[in-house]
Amino acid sequence: NRVRLAILISPKPGLSADDCRSYWLNTHSEVFSSIAIVKRNLLNYEQMSSLTLYRGYVGDDPEIRASSVHGHGCLEAETMEKIAEVFHDQEYHHRIVV
């Protein structure tokens, strides 16, 4: 048995879309995947950049407004409780929720 949780990511207030995209594409997965409880509890972690995909379809057309969602994450574990433990973990809060 496995469960999955999909998460939508938007920039923090004060963080530009470009900085958000850069962090999401170049840094986040490495930091997140290095957290001990993530290694213990998750069977799989995937992330995608919505903005990159979006621009691939519509280009930089100023008439089309991009979504405020800049990324998607998908966490997979044996139970929802194991996923919840990740979000309650001190290391997670120290390294991700800053």
Foldseek 3Di string as FASTA:
>chain_A
DKDKDKDFDADDPPADLVNVLCCQVPPVVVLLCVDPLLVVFFPDKDKDFPVVVVCVVVPVPVVDDDDRGGMMMMTMGRDVVSVVVLVVDPSCCVRPVD
